[in-house]
Amino acid sequence: MLLILLFGMLHEFVANNVPVIIKNEGISFGFSRLSNFLFVGLLVGLAGFYILKNKRGIGLITIGGMINFVDRYRFGYVRDYWNVWGNIFNNLNDWLIVAGVLLFIVEVWKKE
């Protein structure tokens, strides 16, 4: 819970202090829009999996997703502020999700 609060405050600070905000109504890296039901279901499922398996990678994915969900709930879109490449923008939370996926793969790979 503390990490969600800390990363949420960092995201809020950056989003309020950058010159360009892209209103992302889809999902990460400009993919098409998912329904809110599917998105919330995915987050709840990941949180449950994290609690059962205690994987740090799943924790990062959940933190990034929850903070993006708060943006989507508050504004109707996620605030993206980093230009990754061309017209592709994302935010700190998207990178938490990517880092979490990579960490999860390493955790699973090491276990086997």
N, C-alpha and C. Protein backbone atom coordinates (compact mmCIF):
# COMPACT_ATOMS: atom_id res chain seq x y z
N MET A 1 0.83 -1.20 0.00
CA MET A 1 0.00 0.00 0.00
C MET A 1 0.87 1.26 0.00
N LEU A 2 1.97 1.21 0.75
CA LEU A 2 2.87 2.36 0.81
C LEU A 2 3.48 2.64 -0.55
N LEU A 3 3.86 1.58 -1.27
CA LEU A 3 4.44 1.78 -2.60
C LEU A 3 3.43 2.39 -3.58
N ILE A 4 2.17 1.97 -3.49
CA ILE A 4 1.14 2.57 -4.35
C ILE A 4 1.04 4.06 -4.06
N LEU A 5 1.05 4.44 -2.81
CA LEU A 5 0.98 5.84 -2.43
C LEU A 5 2.20 6.62 -2.92
N LEU A 6 3.40 6.06 -2.72
CA LEU A 6 4.62 6.76 -3.14
C LEU A 6 4.70 6.93 -4.66
N PHE A 7 4.45 5.84 -5.39
CA PHE A 7 4.49 5.94 -6.85
C PHE A 7 3.34 6.80 -7.37
N GLY A 8 2.20 6.76 -6.71
CA GLY A 8 1.09 7.62 -7.10
C GLY A 8 1.44 9.09 -6.93
N MET A 9 2.10 9.43 -5.82
CA MET A 9 2.51 10.83 -5.60
C MET A 9 3.57 11.25 -6.62
N LEU A 10 4.50 10.35 -6.95
CA LEU A 10 5.51 10.67 -7.95
C LEU A 10 4.87 10.89 -9.31
N HIS A 11 3.93 10.02 -9.69
CA HIS A 11 3.21 10.18 -10.96
C HIS A 11 2.46 11.52 -10.99
N GLU A 12 1.80 11.84 -9.90
CA GLU A 12 1.05 13.09 -9.81
C GLU A 12 1.99 14.30 -9.95
N PHE A 13 3.13 14.24 -9.30
CA PHE A 13 4.10 15.34 -9.38
C PHE A 13 4.59 15.53 -10.81
N VAL A 14 5.00 14.43 -11.44
CA VAL A 14 5.51 14.52 -12.82
C VAL A 14 4.42 15.01 -13.76
N ALA A 15 3.22 14.43 -13.65
CA ALA A 15 2.12 14.80 -14.55
C ALA A 15 1.74 16.27 -14.40
N ASN A 16 1.90 16.83 -13.21
CA ASN A 16 1.56 18.23 -13.00
C ASN A 16 2.69 19.19 -13.35
N ASN A 17 3.88 18.67 -13.68
CA ASN A 17 5.03 19.54 -13.93
C ASN A 17 5.69 19.31 -15.28
N VAL A 18 5.03 18.64 -16.19
CA VAL A 18 5.57 18.47 -17.55
C VAL A 18 4.76 19.34 -18.50
N PRO A 19 5.41 19.81 -19.58
CA PRO A 19 4.70 20.71 -20.49
C PRO A 19 3.64 20.03 -21.36
N VAL A 20 3.79 18.73 -21.63
CA VAL A 20 2.87 18.05 -22.54
C VAL A 20 2.25 16.85 -21.85
N ILE A 21 0.93 16.79 -21.86
CA ILE A 21 0.19 15.63 -21.35
C ILE A 21 -0.62 15.07 -22.52
N ILE A 22 -0.47 13.79 -22.76
CA ILE A 22 -1.25 13.10 -23.78
C ILE A 22 -2.40 12.38 -23.07
N LYS A 23 -3.61 12.58 -23.53
CA LYS A 23 -4.77 11.91 -22.95
C LYS A 23 -4.91 10.54 -23.60
N ASN A 24 -4.47 9.51 -22.90
CA ASN A 24 -4.51 8.15 -23.41
C ASN A 24 -5.80 7.49 -22.97
N GLU A 25 -6.72 7.32 -23.89
CA GLU A 25 -7.99 6.67 -23.59
C GLU A 25 -7.93 5.17 -23.85
N GLY A 26 -6.80 4.69 -24.36
CA GLY A 26 -6.61 3.27 -24.60
C GLY A 26 -5.80 2.66 -23.49
N ILE A 27 -4.93 1.71 -23.85
CA ILE A 27 -4.05 1.10 -22.86
C ILE A 27 -2.62 1.44 -23.22
N SER A 28 -1.68 0.84 -22.57
CA SER A 28 -0.27 1.18 -22.69
C SER A 28 0.24 1.13 -24.13
N PHE A 29 1.14 2.01 -24.43
CA PHE A 29 1.81 2.09 -25.73
C PHE A 29 0.85 2.27 -26.89
N GLY A 30 -0.29 2.93 -26.64
CA GLY A 30 -1.21 3.31 -27.69
C GLY A 30 -2.10 2.20 -28.22
N PHE A 31 -2.18 1.06 -27.55
CA PHE A 31 -3.07 0.00 -28.00
C PHE A 31 -4.52 0.44 -27.86
N SER A 32 -5.43 -0.26 -28.51
CA SER A 32 -6.83 0.12 -28.49
C SER A 32 -7.43 -0.02 -27.09
N ARG A 33 -8.57 0.59 -26.89
CA ARG A 33 -9.24 0.67 -25.59
C ARG A 33 -9.77 -0.69 -25.12
N LEU A 34 -9.56 -0.96 -23.83
CA LEU A 34 -10.15 -2.13 -23.19
C LEU A 34 -11.33 -1.67 -22.36
N SER A 35 -12.27 -2.55 -22.13
CA SER A 35 -13.40 -2.17 -21.28
C SER A 35 -12.92 -2.05 -19.84
N ASN A 36 -13.55 -1.16 -19.07
CA ASN A 36 -13.19 -0.98 -17.67
C ASN A 36 -13.39 -2.27 -16.88
N PHE A 37 -14.42 -3.04 -17.22
CA PHE A 37 -14.68 -4.30 -16.52
C PHE A 37 -13.49 -5.25 -16.67
N LEU A 38 -12.99 -5.40 -17.88
CA LEU A 38 -11.85 -6.28 -18.12
C LEU A 38 -10.62 -5.77 -17.39
N PHE A 39 -10.40 -4.47 -17.42
CA PHE A 39 -9.24 -3.87 -16.77
C PHE A 39 -9.27 -4.09 -15.25
N VAL A 40 -10.41 -3.83 -14.64
CA VAL A 40 -10.55 -4.03 -13.19
C VAL A 40 -10.42 -5.51 -12.86
N GLY A 41 -11.01 -6.37 -13.65
CA GLY A 41 -10.90 -7.80 -13.42
C GLY A 41 -9.46 -8.28 -13.49
N LEU A 42 -8.70 -7.76 -14.43
CA LEU A 42 -7.29 -8.10 -14.55
C LEU A 42 -6.52 -7.65 -13.31
N LEU A 43 -6.78 -6.43 -12.85
CA LEU A 43 -6.09 -5.94 -11.65
C LEU A 43 -6.43 -6.76 -10.42
N VAL A 44 -7.68 -7.08 -10.25
CA VAL A 44 -8.09 -7.89 -9.09
C VAL A 44 -7.46 -9.28 -9.18
N GLY A 45 -7.44 -9.84 -10.36
CA GLY A 45 -6.82 -11.15 -10.54
C GLY A 45 -5.33 -11.12 -10.25
N LEU A 46 -4.64 -10.09 -10.73
CA LEU A 46 -3.21 -9.97 -10.46
C LEU A 46 -2.93 -9.77 -8.97
N ALA A 47 -3.75 -8.94 -8.32
CA ALA A 47 -3.58 -8.72 -6.89
C ALA A 47 -3.77 -10.03 -6.12
N GLY A 48 -4.78 -10.80 -6.49
CA GLY A 48 -5.02 -12.09 -5.85
C GLY A 48 -3.87 -13.05 -6.08
N PHE A 49 -3.36 -13.08 -7.31
CA PHE A 49 -2.23 -13.96 -7.62
C PHE A 49 -1.00 -13.55 -6.82
N TYR A 50 -0.78 -12.24 -6.69
CA TYR A 50 0.35 -11.73 -5.91
C TYR A 50 0.25 -12.17 -4.45
N ILE A 51 -0.94 -12.06 -3.90
CA ILE A 51 -1.14 -12.46 -2.50
C ILE A 51 -0.88 -13.95 -2.34
N LEU A 52 -1.34 -14.76 -3.29
CA LEU A 52 -1.16 -16.21 -3.19
C LEU A 52 0.28 -16.63 -3.44
N LYS A 53 0.92 -16.03 -4.40
CA LYS A 53 2.26 -16.46 -4.81
C LYS A 53 3.38 -15.55 -4.30
N ASN A 54 3.04 -14.34 -3.84
CA ASN A 54 3.99 -13.36 -3.32
C ASN A 54 5.15 -13.12 -4.31
N LYS A 55 4.82 -12.80 -5.52
CA LYS A 55 5.80 -12.49 -6.55
C LYS A 55 5.97 -10.98 -6.65
N ARG A 56 7.20 -10.51 -6.58
CA ARG A 56 7.46 -9.07 -6.66
C ARG A 56 7.06 -8.49 -8.02
N GLY A 57 7.26 -9.27 -9.08
CA GLY A 57 6.89 -8.79 -10.42
C GLY A 57 5.41 -8.48 -10.52
N ILE A 58 4.59 -9.36 -9.97
CA ILE A 58 3.14 -9.15 -9.99
C ILE A 58 2.80 -7.92 -9.17
N GLY A 59 3.54 -7.69 -8.08
CA GLY A 59 3.32 -6.51 -7.26
C GLY A 59 3.55 -5.23 -8.05
N LEU A 60 4.62 -5.16 -8.84
CA LEU A 60 4.90 -3.97 -9.66
C LEU A 60 3.82 -3.78 -10.73
N ILE A 61 3.40 -4.88 -11.33
CA ILE A 61 2.34 -4.80 -12.35
C ILE A 61 1.07 -4.24 -11.71
N THR A 62 0.75 -4.73 -10.53
CA THR A 62 -0.46 -4.29 -9.83
C THR A 62 -0.37 -2.82 -9.45
N ILE A 63 0.78 -2.39 -8.93
CA ILE A 63 0.95 -0.98 -8.54
C ILE A 63 0.78 -0.07 -9.75
N GLY A 64 1.48 -0.37 -10.85
CA GLY A 64 1.37 0.45 -12.06
C GLY A 64 -0.05 0.48 -12.59
N GLY A 65 -0.70 -0.67 -12.60
CA GLY A 65 -2.07 -0.75 -13.10
C GLY A 65 -3.05 0.01 -12.22
N MET A 66 -2.88 -0.09 -10.91
CA MET A 66 -3.80 0.61 -9.99
C MET A 66 -3.68 2.13 -10.14
N ILE A 67 -2.45 2.63 -10.26
CA ILE A 67 -2.28 4.08 -10.41
C ILE A 67 -2.84 4.55 -11.74
N ASN A 68 -2.64 3.78 -12.80
CA ASN A 68 -3.25 4.14 -14.09
C ASN A 68 -4.78 4.08 -13.98
N PHE A 69 -5.30 3.10 -13.23
CA PHE A 69 -6.74 3.00 -13.05
C PHE A 69 -7.29 4.24 -12.32
N VAL A 70 -6.56 4.73 -11.33
CA VAL A 70 -6.98 5.94 -10.61
C VAL A 70 -7.06 7.12 -11.59
N ASP A 71 -6.05 7.26 -12.45
CA ASP A 71 -6.10 8.31 -13.49
C ASP A 71 -7.34 8.14 -14.36
N ARG A 72 -7.58 6.92 -14.83
CA ARG A 72 -8.71 6.65 -15.72
C ARG A 72 -10.03 6.96 -15.01
N TYR A 73 -10.12 6.64 -13.73
CA TYR A 73 -11.33 6.91 -12.96
C TYR A 73 -11.53 8.42 -12.76
N ARG A 74 -10.45 9.13 -12.43
CA ARG A 74 -10.54 10.56 -12.15
C ARG A 74 -10.80 11.40 -13.40
N PHE A 75 -10.10 11.08 -14.48
CA PHE A 75 -10.12 11.93 -15.66
C PHE A 75 -10.82 11.32 -16.87
N GLY A 76 -11.03 10.01 -16.87
CA GLY A 76 -11.58 9.33 -18.03
C GLY A 76 -10.49 8.92 -19.02
N TYR A 77 -9.25 9.14 -18.67
CA TYR A 77 -8.09 8.78 -19.49
C TYR A 77 -6.88 8.69 -18.57
N VAL A 78 -5.80 8.12 -19.09
CA VAL A 78 -4.53 8.06 -18.36
C VAL A 78 -3.63 9.17 -18.90
N ARG A 79 -2.98 9.86 -17.99
CA ARG A 79 -2.08 10.94 -18.39
C ARG A 79 -0.70 10.38 -18.73
N ASP A 80 -0.34 10.46 -20.00
CA ASP A 80 0.98 10.03 -20.46
C ASP A 80 1.82 11.27 -20.72
N TYR A 81 3.12 11.19 -20.41
CA TYR A 81 3.97 12.38 -20.52
C TYR A 81 5.35 12.10 -21.07
N TRP A 82 5.74 10.86 -21.28
CA TRP A 82 7.03 10.55 -21.86
C TRP A 82 6.87 10.07 -23.28
N ASN A 83 7.58 10.71 -24.19
CA ASN A 83 7.57 10.30 -25.59
C ASN A 83 8.60 9.18 -25.75
N VAL A 84 8.11 7.97 -25.97
CA VAL A 84 8.99 6.81 -26.08
C VAL A 84 9.61 6.76 -27.47
N TRP A 85 8.74 6.91 -28.48
CA TRP A 85 9.21 6.81 -29.87
C TRP A 85 8.09 7.26 -30.78
N GLY A 86 8.36 8.17 -31.67
CA GLY A 86 7.35 8.65 -32.60
C GLY A 86 6.15 9.23 -31.89
N ASN A 87 4.97 8.67 -32.14
CA ASN A 87 3.74 9.11 -31.48
C ASN A 87 3.36 8.22 -30.30
N ILE A 88 4.31 7.50 -29.76
CA ILE A 88 4.03 6.60 -28.64
C ILE A 88 4.47 7.27 -27.35
N PHE A 89 3.50 7.50 -26.47
CA PHE A 89 3.75 8.13 -25.17
C PHE A 89 3.36 7.16 -24.07
N ASN A 90 4.00 7.28 -22.94
CA ASN A 90 3.57 6.52 -21.76
C ASN A 90 3.98 7.26 -20.51
N ASN A 91 3.84 6.61 -19.35
CA ASN A 91 4.13 7.27 -18.08
C ASN A 91 4.90 6.32 -17.17
N LEU A 92 5.20 6.78 -15.98
CA LEU A 92 5.94 6.00 -15.00
C LEU A 92 5.26 4.66 -14.73
N ASN A 93 3.96 4.67 -14.65
CA ASN A 93 3.21 3.46 -14.31
C ASN A 93 3.34 2.39 -15.39
N ASP A 94 3.39 2.82 -16.65
CA ASP A 94 3.58 1.86 -17.73
C ASP A 94 4.94 1.16 -17.59
N TRP A 95 5.95 1.92 -17.14
CA TRP A 95 7.27 1.33 -16.96
C TRP A 95 7.31 0.41 -15.75
N LEU A 96 6.52 0.72 -14.72
CA LEU A 96 6.39 -0.20 -13.59
C LEU A 96 5.81 -1.53 -14.07
N ILE A 97 4.82 -1.46 -14.94
CA ILE A 97 4.18 -2.66 -15.48
C ILE A 97 5.19 -3.47 -16.30
N VAL A 98 5.96 -2.80 -17.16
CA VAL A 98 6.96 -3.48 -17.98
C VAL A 98 8.03 -4.12 -17.09
N ALA A 99 8.51 -3.37 -16.09
CA ALA A 99 9.51 -3.91 -15.16
C ALA A 99 8.95 -5.10 -14.40
N GLY A 100 7.68 -5.02 -14.02
CA GLY A 100 7.03 -6.12 -13.31
C GLY A 100 6.93 -7.37 -14.16
N VAL A 101 6.59 -7.20 -15.43
CA VAL A 101 6.50 -8.36 -16.34
C VAL A 101 7.88 -9.01 -16.48
N LEU A 102 8.91 -8.19 -16.68
CA LEU A 102 10.26 -8.74 -16.82
C LEU A 102 10.71 -9.44 -15.53
N LEU A 103 10.44 -8.83 -14.38
CA LEU A 103 10.81 -9.43 -13.10
C LEU A 103 10.04 -10.72 -12.87
N PHE A 104 8.77 -10.74 -13.23
CA PHE A 104 7.96 -11.95 -13.08
C PHE A 104 8.53 -13.08 -13.94
N ILE A 105 8.91 -12.78 -15.17
CA ILE A 105 9.50 -13.80 -16.06
C ILE A 105 10.77 -14.36 -15.43
N VAL A 106 11.62 -13.47 -14.89
CA VAL A 106 12.86 -13.92 -14.25
C VAL A 106 12.55 -14.78 -13.03
N GLU A 107 11.55 -14.36 -12.22
CA GLU A 107 11.19 -15.13 -11.03
C GLU A 107 10.70 -16.53 -11.40
N VAL A 108 9.87 -16.62 -12.41
CA VAL A 108 9.34 -17.92 -12.84
C VAL A 108 10.46 -18.77 -13.43
N TRP A 109 11.33 -18.14 -14.22
CA TRP A 109 12.41 -18.85 -14.87
C TRP A 109 13.39 -19.40 -13.84
N LYS A 110 13.73 -18.60 -12.83
CA LYS A 110 14.66 -19.06 -11.79
C LYS A 110 14.07 -20.21 -10.98
N LYS A 111 12.77 -20.17 -10.76
CA LYS A 111 12.12 -21.21 -9.97
C LYS A 111 12.17 -22.56 -10.68
N GLU A 112 12.06 -22.53 -12.00
CA GLU A 112 12.08 -23.78 -12.77
C GLU A 112 13.47 -24.13 -13.08
